[in-house]
C-alpha atoms as a PDB file:
ATOM      1  CA  MET A   1      29.774  48.330 -41.083  1.00  0.00           C
ATOM      2  CA  SER A   2      29.727  52.068 -41.828  1.00  0.00           C
ATOM      3  CA  SER A   3      28.130  54.835 -39.800  1.00  0.00           C
ATOM      4  CA  ALA A   4      25.050  56.678 -41.066  1.00  0.00           C
ATOM      5  CA  LEU A   5      24.927  59.083 -38.136  1.00  0.00           C
ATOM      6  CA  GLU A   6      27.387  59.968 -35.394  1.00  0.00           C
ATOM      7  CA  PHE A   7      27.151  62.446 -32.523  1.00  0.00           C
ATOM      8  CA  THR A   8      30.323  63.258 -30.604  1.00  0.00           C
ATOM      9  CA  ASP A   9      29.874  65.126 -27.289  1.00  0.00           C
ATOM     10  CA  VAL A  10      26.980  67.111 -28.777  1.00  0.00           C
ATOM     11  CA  VAL A  11      25.402  69.979 -26.852  1.00  0.00           C
ATOM     12  CA  VAL A  12      22.448  72.130 -27.891  1.00  0.00           C
ATOM     13  CA  ARG A  13      22.006  75.040 -25.485  1.00  0.00           C
ATOM     14  CA  ARG A  14      18.992  77.360 -25.351  1.00  0.00           C
ATOM     15  CA  ASP A  15      18.343  80.087 -22.755  1.00  0.00           C
ATOM     16  CA  GLY A  16      21.152  78.821 -20.586  1.00  0.00           C
ATOM     17  CA  ARG A  17      19.878  75.230 -20.577  1.00  0.00           C
ATOM     18  CA  ASN A  18      21.276  72.194 -22.369  1.00  0.00           C
ATOM     19  CA  ILE A  19      18.424  70.720 -24.416  1.00  0.00           C
ATOM     20  CA  VAL A  20      20.879  68.085 -25.658  1.00  0.00           C
ATOM     21  CA  ASP A  21      23.510  67.466 -23.002  1.00  0.00           C
ATOM     22  CA  HIS A  22      26.867  66.024 -24.118  1.00  0.00           C
ATOM     23  CA  VAL A  23      25.397  63.216 -26.216  1.00  0.00           C
ATOM     24  CA  SER A  24      27.695  60.755 -27.988  1.00  0.00           C
ATOM     25  CA  TRP A  25      25.804  58.266 -30.143  1.00  0.00           C
ATOM     26  CA  GLN A  26      26.378  56.280 -33.326  1.00  0.00           C
ATOM     27  CA  VAL A  27      23.894  54.747 -35.792  1.00  0.00           C
ATOM     28  CA  ALA A  28      25.276  52.133 -38.179  1.00  0.00           C
ATOM     29  CA  ASP A  29      23.803  51.860 -41.652  1.00  0.00           C
ATOM     30  CA  ASP A  30      22.098  48.529 -40.876  1.00  0.00           C
ATOM     31  CA  GLN A  31      20.525  49.589 -37.577  1.00  0.00           C
ATOM     32  CA  ARG A  32      16.982  50.726 -36.751  1.00  0.00           C
ATOM     33  CA  TRP A  33      16.864  52.894 -33.619  1.00  0.00           C
ATOM     34  CA  VAL A  34      13.907  54.006 -31.524  1.00  0.00           C
ATOM     35  CA  VAL A  35      14.390  57.107 -29.363  1.00  0.00           C
ATOM     36  CA  LEU A  36      12.335  57.164 -26.166  1.00  0.00           C
ATOM     37  CA  GLY A  37      11.940  59.587 -23.287  1.00  0.00           C
ATOM     38  CA  PRO A  38       9.538  61.966 -21.560  1.00  0.00           C
ATOM     39  CA  ASN A  39       8.451  65.327 -22.937  1.00  0.00           C
ATOM     40  CA  GLY A  40      11.354  67.746 -22.972  1.00  0.00           C
ATOM     41  CA  ALA A  41      13.970  64.999 -23.058  1.00  0.00           C
ATOM     42  CA  GLY A  42      15.472  66.297 -26.333  1.00  0.00           C
ATOM     43  CA  LYS A  43      14.115  63.666 -28.730  1.00  0.00           C
ATOM     44  CA  THR A  44      12.866  65.987 -31.464  1.00  0.00           C
ATOM     45  CA  THR A  45      15.933  68.227 -31.141  1.00  0.00           C
ATOM     46  CA  LEU A  46      18.071  65.153 -31.774  1.00  0.00           C
ATOM     47  CA  LEU A  47      16.143  64.458 -34.990  1.00  0.00           C
ATOM     48  CA  GLN A  48      16.470  68.100 -36.093  1.00  0.00           C
ATOM     49  CA  LEU A  49      20.234  67.773 -35.766  1.00  0.00           C
ATOM     50  CA  ALA A  50      20.167  64.540 -37.758  1.00  0.00           C
ATOM     51  CA  ASP A  51      18.120  66.230 -40.493  1.00  0.00           C
ATOM     52  CA  THR A  52      20.495  69.247 -40.695  1.00  0.00           C
ATOM     53  CA  LEU A  53      17.698  71.586 -39.532  1.00  0.00           C
ATOM     54  CA  LEU A  54      19.725  72.523 -36.465  1.00  0.00           C
ATOM     55  CA  HIS A  55      23.441  72.866 -35.690  1.00  0.00           C
ATOM     56  CA  PRO A  56      24.937  71.943 -32.309  1.00  0.00           C
ATOM     57  CA  THR A  57      26.153  74.561 -29.871  1.00  0.00           C
ATOM     58  CA  SER A  58      29.227  72.387 -29.421  1.00  0.00           C
ATOM     59  CA  GLY A  59      30.371  68.924 -30.395  1.00  0.00           C
ATOM     60  CA  THR A  60      30.292  67.229 -33.784  1.00  0.00           C
ATOM     61  CA  VAL A  61      27.422  65.793 -35.819  1.00  0.00           C
ATOM     62  CA  THR A  62      28.429  63.606 -38.757  1.00  0.00           C
ATOM     63  CA  ILE A  63      25.685  62.533 -41.176  1.00  0.00           C
ATOM     64  CA  LEU A  64      26.441  60.115 -44.029  1.00  0.00           C
ATOM     65  CA  ASP A  65      30.164  60.937 -43.679  1.00  0.00           C
ATOM     66  CA  GLU A  66      29.510  64.694 -43.871  1.00  0.00           C
ATOM     67  CA  THR A  67      30.103  66.956 -40.860  1.00  0.00           C
ATOM     68  CA  LEU A  68      27.600  69.690 -40.021  1.00  0.00           C
ATOM     69  CA  GLY A  69      29.244  73.086 -40.406  1.00  0.00           C
ATOM     70  CA  ARG A  70      31.689  71.770 -43.001  1.00  0.00           C
ATOM     71  CA  THR A  71      29.315  70.657 -45.726  1.00  0.00           C
ATOM     72  CA  ASP A  72      26.555  72.081 -47.901  1.00  0.00           C
ATOM     73  CA  VAL A  73      23.365  70.931 -46.168  1.00  0.00           C
ATOM     74  CA  PHE A  74      21.375  71.471 -49.376  1.00  0.00           C
ATOM     75  CA  ASP A  75      23.429  68.719 -51.011  1.00  0.00           C
ATOM     76  CA  LEU A  76      23.045  66.485 -47.960  1.00  0.00           C
ATOM     77  CA  ARG A  77      19.310  66.823 -47.307  1.00  0.00           C
ATOM     78  CA  PRO A  78      18.126  64.893 -50.399  1.00  0.00           C
ATOM     79  CA  ARG A  79      19.974  61.856 -48.992  1.00  0.00           C
ATOM     80  CA  ILE A  80      17.852  61.985 -45.816  1.00  0.00           C
ATOM     81  CA  GLY A  81      14.186  61.027 -45.535  1.00  0.00           C
ATOM     82  CA  PHE A  82      12.247  62.877 -42.826  1.00  0.00           C
ATOM     83  CA  ALA A  83       8.613  62.652 -41.718  1.00  0.00           C
ATOM     84  CA  SER A  84       7.043  64.659 -38.906  1.00  0.00           C
ATOM     85  CA  THR A  85       3.801  66.324 -37.885  1.00  0.00           C
ATOM     86  CA  ALA A  86       5.433  69.722 -38.413  1.00  0.00           C
ATOM     87  CA  MET A  87       6.219  68.762 -41.999  1.00  0.00           C
ATOM     88  CA  ALA A  88       2.621  67.632 -42.584  1.00  0.00           C
ATOM     89  CA  LYS A  89       1.434  71.161 -41.819  1.00  0.00           C
ATOM     90  CA  ARG A  90       3.469  72.434 -44.782  1.00  0.00           C
ATOM     91  CA  ILE A  91       1.818  70.083 -47.285  1.00  0.00           C
ATOM     92  CA  PRO A  92      -0.943  71.851 -49.288  1.00  0.00           C
ATOM     93  CA  ARG A  93      -4.233  70.298 -48.267  1.00  0.00           C
ATOM     94  CA  ASP A  94      -5.523  70.418 -51.859  1.00  0.00           C
ATOM     95  CA  GLU A  95      -2.496  68.533 -53.246  1.00  0.00           C
ATOM     96  CA  THR A  96      -3.168  65.012 -54.487  1.00  0.00           C
ATOM     97  CA  VAL A  97      -1.560  62.124 -52.642  1.00  0.00           C
ATOM     98  CA  LEU A  98       0.376  61.174 -55.773  1.00  0.00           C
ATOM     99  CA  ASN A  99       1.808  64.673 -56.052  1.00  0.00           C
ATOM    100  CA  VAL A 100       2.675  64.836 -52.350  1.00  0.00           C
ATOM    101  CA  VAL A 101       4.918  61.812 -52.868  1.00  0.00           C
ATOM    102  CA  LEU A 102       6.107  62.739 -56.365  1.00  0.00           C
ATOM    103  CA  THR A 103       7.326  66.216 -55.369  1.00  0.00           C
ATOM    104  CA  ALA A 104       9.840  64.655 -52.988  1.00  0.00           C
ATOM    105  CA  ALA A 105      11.998  64.144 -56.091  1.00  0.00           C
ATOM    106  CA  TYR A 106      12.546  67.927 -56.160  1.00  0.00           C
ATOM    107  CA  SER A 107      12.358  68.421 -52.376  1.00  0.00           C
ATOM    108  CA  VAL A 108       9.399  70.796 -52.765  1.00  0.00           C
ATOM    109  CA  MET A 109       6.012  70.960 -51.069  1.00  0.00           C
ATOM    110  CA  GLY A 110       3.263  71.293 -53.673  1.00  0.00           C
ATOM    111  CA  ARG A 111       3.348  70.747 -57.407  1.00  0.00           C
ATOM    112  CA  TRP A 112       4.446  73.825 -59.359  1.00  0.00           C
ATOM    113  CA  ASN A 113       6.370  73.911 -62.654  1.00  0.00           C
ATOM    114  CA  GLU A 114       8.655  70.912 -62.126  1.00  0.00           C
ATOM    115  CA  ARG A 115       8.935  68.356 -64.905  1.00  0.00           C
ATOM    116  CA  TYR A 116       8.785  64.694 -64.020  1.00  0.00           C
ATOM    117  CA  GLU A 117       9.641  61.676 -66.118  1.00  0.00           C
ATOM    118  CA  ASN A 118       7.548  58.527 -66.378  1.00  0.00           C
ATOM    119  CA  ILE A 119      10.070  56.728 -64.189  1.00  0.00           C
ATOM    120  CA  ASP A 120       9.373  59.228 -61.380  1.00  0.00           C
ATOM    121  CA  GLU A 121       5.636  58.618 -61.516  1.00  0.00           C
ATOM    122  CA  ARG A 122       6.102  54.847 -61.658  1.00  0.00           C
ATOM    123  CA  ARG A 123       8.364  55.053 -58.612  1.00  0.00           C
ATOM    124  CA  ALA A 124       5.805  57.167 -56.725  1.00  0.00           C
ATOM    125  CA  LEU A 125       3.006  54.724 -57.535  1.00  0.00           C
ATOM    126  CA  ARG A 126       5.153  51.795 -56.427  1.00  0.00           C
ATOM    127  CA  VAL A 127       5.916  53.506 -53.111  1.00  0.00           C
ATOM    128  CA  LEU A 128       2.212  54.238 -52.603  1.00  0.00           C
ATOM    129  CA  GLY A 129       1.539  50.549 -53.136  1.00  0.00           C
ATOM    130  CA  ASP A 130       4.189  49.584 -50.574  1.00  0.00           C
ATOM    131  CA  TRP A 131       2.410  51.695 -47.949  1.00  0.00           C
ATOM    132  CA  LYS A 132      -1.130  50.596 -48.972  1.00  0.00           C
ATOM    133  CA  LEU A 133      -2.015  53.993 -50.411  1.00  0.00           C
ATOM    134  CA  GLU A 134      -2.395  53.279 -54.135  1.00  0.00           C
ATOM    135  CA  HIS A 135      -6.201  53.585 -53.937  1.00  0.00           C
ATOM    136  CA  LEU A 136      -5.767  57.118 -52.558  1.00  0.00           C
ATOM    137  CA  ALA A 137      -3.465  58.439 -55.304  1.00  0.00           C
ATOM    138  CA  ASP A 138      -6.041  60.905 -56.643  1.00  0.00           C
ATOM    139  CA  ARG A 139      -7.432  61.983 -53.267  1.00  0.00           C
ATOM    140  CA  THR A 140      -6.354  65.326 -51.826  1.00  0.00           C
ATOM    141  CA  PHE A 141      -4.128  65.259 -48.749  1.00  0.00           C
ATOM    142  CA  GLY A 142      -6.549  67.304 -46.647  1.00  0.00           C
ATOM    143  CA  THR A 143      -9.343  64.732 -47.016  1.00  0.00           C
ATOM    144  CA  LEU A 144      -7.315  61.863 -45.546  1.00  0.00           C
ATOM    145  CA  SER A 145      -7.556  60.429 -42.056  1.00  0.00           C
ATOM    146  CA  ASP A 146      -4.685  60.940 -39.604  1.00  0.00           C
ATOM    147  CA  GLY A 147      -3.434  57.414 -40.239  1.00  0.00           C
ATOM    148  CA  GLU A 148      -3.504  57.869 -44.002  1.00  0.00           C
ATOM    149  CA  GLN A 149      -1.698  61.200 -43.738  1.00  0.00           C
ATOM    150  CA  LYS A 150       1.018  59.615 -41.589  1.00  0.00           C
ATOM    151  CA  ARG A 151       1.565  56.900 -44.200  1.00  0.00           C
ATOM    152  CA  VAL A 152       1.671  59.469 -47.009  1.00  0.00           C
ATOM    153  CA  GLN A 153       4.379  61.370 -45.132  1.00  0.00           C
ATOM    154  CA  ILE A 154       6.465  58.222 -44.788  1.00  0.00           C
ATOM    155  CA  ALA A 155       5.899  57.306 -48.441  1.00  0.00           C
ATOM    156  CA  ARG A 156       7.152  60.770 -49.388  1.00  0.00           C
ATOM    157  CA  ALA A 157      10.169  60.311 -47.101  1.00  0.00           C
ATOM    158  CA  VAL A 158      11.208  57.052 -48.812  1.00  0.00           C
ATOM    159  CA  MET A 159      10.408  58.210 -52.361  1.00  0.00           C
ATOM    160  CA  THR A 160      14.012  59.251 -53.061  1.00  0.00           C
ATOM    161  CA  ASP A 161      15.614  56.075 -51.650  1.00  0.00           C
ATOM    162  CA  PRO A 162      17.216  57.897 -48.705  1.00  0.00           C
ATOM    163  CA  GLU A 163      20.359  56.652 -46.989  1.00  0.00           C
ATOM    164  CA  LEU A 164      18.945  57.669 -43.596  1.00  0.00           C
ATOM    165  CA  LEU A 165      15.263  57.720 -42.613  1.00  0.00           C
ATOM    166  CA  LEU A 166      14.057  59.841 -39.678  1.00  0.00           C
ATOM    167  CA  LEU A 167      10.527  59.486 -38.272  1.00  0.00           C
ATOM    168  CA  ASP A 168       9.241  61.859 -35.593  1.00  0.00           C
ATOM    169  CA  GLU A 169       6.347  60.250 -33.699  1.00  0.00           C
ATOM    170  CA  PRO A 170       4.755  58.583 -36.750  1.00  0.00           C
ATOM    171  CA  THR A 171       2.034  56.896 -34.661  1.00  0.00           C
ATOM    172  CA  ALA A 172       1.097  59.905 -32.511  1.00  0.00           C
ATOM    173  CA  SER A 173      -2.664  60.667 -32.355  1.00  0.00           C
ATOM    174  CA  LEU A 174      -3.640  57.493 -34.236  1.00  0.00           C
ATOM    175  CA  ASP A 175      -6.445  55.223 -33.096  1.00  0.00           C
ATOM    176  CA  LEU A 176      -5.666  51.605 -32.263  1.00  0.00           C
ATOM    177  CA  GLY A 177      -6.435  50.227 -35.716  1.00  0.00           C
ATOM    178  CA  ALA A 178      -4.478  52.900 -37.592  1.00  0.00           C
ATOM    179  CA  ARG A 179      -1.568  52.551 -35.188  1.00  0.00           C
ATOM    180  CA  GLU A 180      -1.367  48.786 -35.579  1.00  0.00           C
ATOM    181  CA  GLU A 181      -1.620  49.015 -39.370  1.00  0.00           C
ATOM    182  CA  LEU A 182       1.253  51.515 -39.500  1.00  0.00           C
ATOM    183  CA  LEU A 183       3.379  49.532 -37.043  1.00  0.00           C
ATOM    184  CA  GLU A 184       2.908  46.419 -39.183  1.00  0.00           C
ATOM    185  CA  LEU A 185       4.055  48.316 -42.275  1.00  0.00           C
ATOM    186  CA  LEU A 186       7.016  49.820 -40.414  1.00  0.00           C
ATOM    187  CA  SER A 187       7.986  46.363 -39.151  1.00  0.00           C
ATOM    188  CA  GLY A 188       8.002  44.969 -42.670  1.00  0.00           C
ATOM    189  CA  TYR A 189       9.997  47.922 -43.956  1.00  0.00           C
ATOM    190  CA  ALA A 190      12.517  47.759 -41.096  1.00  0.00           C
ATOM    191  CA  SER A 191      13.070  44.048 -41.673  1.00  0.00           C
ATOM    192  CA  SER A 192      14.133  44.443 -45.311  1.00  0.00           C
ATOM    193  CA  PRO A 193      17.914  44.237 -45.875  1.00  0.00           C
ATOM    194  CA  THR A 194      17.702  47.096 -48.404  1.00  0.00           C
ATOM    195  CA  THR A 195      16.148  49.521 -45.910  1.00  0.00           C
ATOM    196  CA  PRO A 196      18.367  52.451 -44.891  1.00  0.00           C
ATOM    197  CA  ALA A 197      19.399  53.260 -41.335  1.00  0.00           C
ATOM    198  CA  MET A 198      16.327  54.363 -39.393  1.00  0.00           C
ATOM    199  CA  VAL A 199      15.719  56.539 -36.339  1.00  0.00           C
ATOM    200  CA  MET A 200      12.186  56.799 -34.958  1.00  0.00           C
ATOM    201  CA  VAL A 201      11.084  58.987 -32.054  1.00  0.00           C
ATOM    202  CA  THR A 202       8.161  57.867 -29.913  1.00  0.00           C
ATOM    203  CA  HIS A 203       6.787  58.327 -26.382  1.00  0.00           C
ATOM    204  CA  HIS A 204       5.573  54.774 -25.812  1.00  0.00           C
ATOM    205  CA  VAL A 205       7.250  51.360 -25.836  1.00  0.00           C
ATOM    206  CA  GLU A 206       3.998  49.953 -27.253  1.00  0.00           C
ATOM    207  CA  GLU A 207       4.801  51.858 -30.473  1.00  0.00           C
ATOM    208  CA  ILE A 208       8.158  50.184 -31.113  1.00  0.00           C
ATOM    209  CA  PRO A 209       7.802  48.201 -34.360  1.00  0.00           C
ATOM    210  CA  VAL A 210       9.032  44.630 -34.490  1.00  0.00           C
ATOM    211  CA  GLY A 211      12.324  44.617 -36.396  1.00  0.00           C
ATOM    212  CA  PHE A 212      13.796  47.684 -34.727  1.00  0.00           C
ATOM    213  CA  THR A 213      17.181  46.765 -33.341  1.00  0.00           C
ATOM    214  CA  HIS A 214      18.335  49.479 -30.917  1.00  0.00           C
ATOM    215  CA  VAL A 215      16.983  51.950 -28.374  1.00  0.00           C
ATOM    216  CA  LEU A 216      18.195  55.338 -27.159  1.00  0.00           C
ATOM    217  CA  LEU A 217      16.568  56.400 -23.887  1.00  0.00           C
ATOM    218  CA  LEU A 218      16.826  60.087 -22.970  1.00  0.00           C
ATOM    219  CA  LYS A 219      16.145  62.208 -19.897  1.00  0.00           C
ATOM    220  CA  ALA A 220      16.713  65.989 -19.667  1.00  0.00           C
ATOM    221  CA  GLY A 221      18.837  65.922 -22.818  1.00  0.00           C
ATOM    222  CA  GLY A 222      21.198  63.192 -21.620  1.00  0.00           C
ATOM    223  CA  ILE A 223      21.460  59.477 -22.326  1.00  0.00           C
ATOM    224  CA  VAL A 224      20.013  57.063 -19.766  1.00  0.00           C
ATOM    225  CA  ALA A 225      20.600  53.930 -21.873  1.00  0.00           C
ATOM    226  CA  ALA A 226      21.628  53.090 -25.427  1.00  0.00           C
ATOM    227  CA  GLY A 227      22.213  49.856 -27.299  1.00  0.00           C
ATOM    228  CA  PRO A 228      20.440  46.738 -28.570  1.00  0.00           C
ATOM    229  CA  ILE A 229      16.811  46.738 -27.471  1.00  0.00           C
ATOM    230  CA  ALA A 230      17.073  43.402 -25.673  1.00  0.00           C
ATOM    231  CA  GLU A 231      19.848  44.812 -23.482  1.00  0.00           C
ATOM    232  CA  ALA A 232      19.113  48.530 -23.115  1.00  0.00           C
ATOM    233  CA  LEU A 233      15.312  48.601 -22.830  1.00  0.00           C
ATOM    234  CA  THR A 234      14.771  47.597 -19.213  1.00  0.00           C
ATOM    235  CA  ALA A 235      12.341  48.444 -16.435  1.00  0.00           C
ATOM    236  CA  GLU A 236      15.224  50.017 -14.521  1.00  0.00           C
ATOM    237  CA  ALA A 237      16.171  52.320 -17.406  1.00  0.00           C
ATOM    238  CA  LEU A 238      12.533  53.343 -17.978  1.00  0.00           C
ATOM    239  CA  THR A 239      12.130  53.993 -14.263  1.00  0.00           C
ATOM    240  CA  GLU A 240      15.128  56.327 -14.303  1.00  0.00           C
ATOM    241  CA  ALA A 241      14.029  58.116 -17.481  1.00  0.00           C
ATOM    242  CA  PHE A 242      10.417  58.716 -16.469  1.00  0.00           C
ATOM    243  CA  GLY A 243      10.966  59.239 -12.759  1.00  0.00           C
ATOM    244  CA  MET A 244       8.507  56.605 -11.534  1.00  0.00           C
ATOM    245  CA  PRO A 245       8.547  52.825 -11.012  1.00  0.00           C
ATOM    246  CA  ILE A 246       7.880  51.166 -14.363  1.00  0.00           C
ATOM    247  CA  ALA A 247       7.193  47.508 -15.140  1.00  0.00           C
ATOM    248  CA  LEU A 248       8.105  46.283 -18.632  1.00  0.00           C
ATOM    249  CA  THR A 249       6.799  43.200 -20.427  1.00  0.00           C
ATOM    250  CA  SER A 250       7.378  41.841 -23.920  1.00  0.00           C
ATOM    251  CA  ASP A 251       5.563  39.407 -26.173  1.00  0.00           C
ATOM    252  CA  ALA A 252       6.608  38.342 -29.689  1.00  0.00           C
ATOM    253  CA  GLY A 253       8.820  41.383 -30.143  1.00  0.00           C
ATOM    254  CA  ARG A 254       6.252  43.922 -28.863  1.00  0.00           C
ATOM    255  CA  TYR A 255       6.609  45.765 -25.564  1.00  0.00           C
ATOM    256  CA  SER A 256       4.269  47.124 -22.907  1.00  0.00           C
ATOM    257  CA  ALA A 257       5.012  49.356 -19.911  1.00  0.00           C
ATOM    258  CA  ARG A 258       2.987  50.515 -16.930  1.00  0.00           C
ATOM    259  CA  ALA A 259       3.571  52.302 -13.628  1.00  0.00           C
ATOM    260  CA  THR A 260       3.766  49.974 -10.645  1.00  0.00           C
ATOM    261  CA  ARG A 261       2.940  52.384  -7.832  1.00  0.00           C
END
């Protein structure tokens, strides 16, 4: 089993405060991790490190056997799929859904003068089908619902067959139906043996897709718990992370949490 991502005593310091506080963490290439924690816990900063958008103040970040600070990140980034709300804001609203996904092949936002082969378009259409978006191929991105836009972002992220897939709050702001549809698709994708290593940030245990294998629970930039979900996701760990008594229940691989006070 090889490592897709490894943090060794990583610190990210801003304005005299450790946003990421001496984190050591390893993601194997067959694991699907969910990162949980309250606002300000360092979840998104962790993903920015994993996507080479940020370098640590100290410690070592190794991504797909390449060490940040000792490798060309522009060669590394095409091997990483990344979807986030911040990225969605960079997508031209008048770009077609097909082109939003297709342009991932050149790592650009918006069709310009790139030349694509038939195999690229066939691949993009196949990915759209996998995420139930094929009927939207000719629609413009700005006319889509939040749920559809989230799925387009993920389709773009997997277009290039990444070796590591990073998802920053993919179900945030979605209504119940859109959330459940996306979680079902993510569960199916996570369960495939050909899927790359995955790391997904979320705020809620209810948004953990079935098929995810591990959890990293953060508080104030440090690790509260990490490991297989069945072992590390506990009421005690959630209580420590969120600073209030939490009850945790599970049913058929889905989780639910609520305050008990």
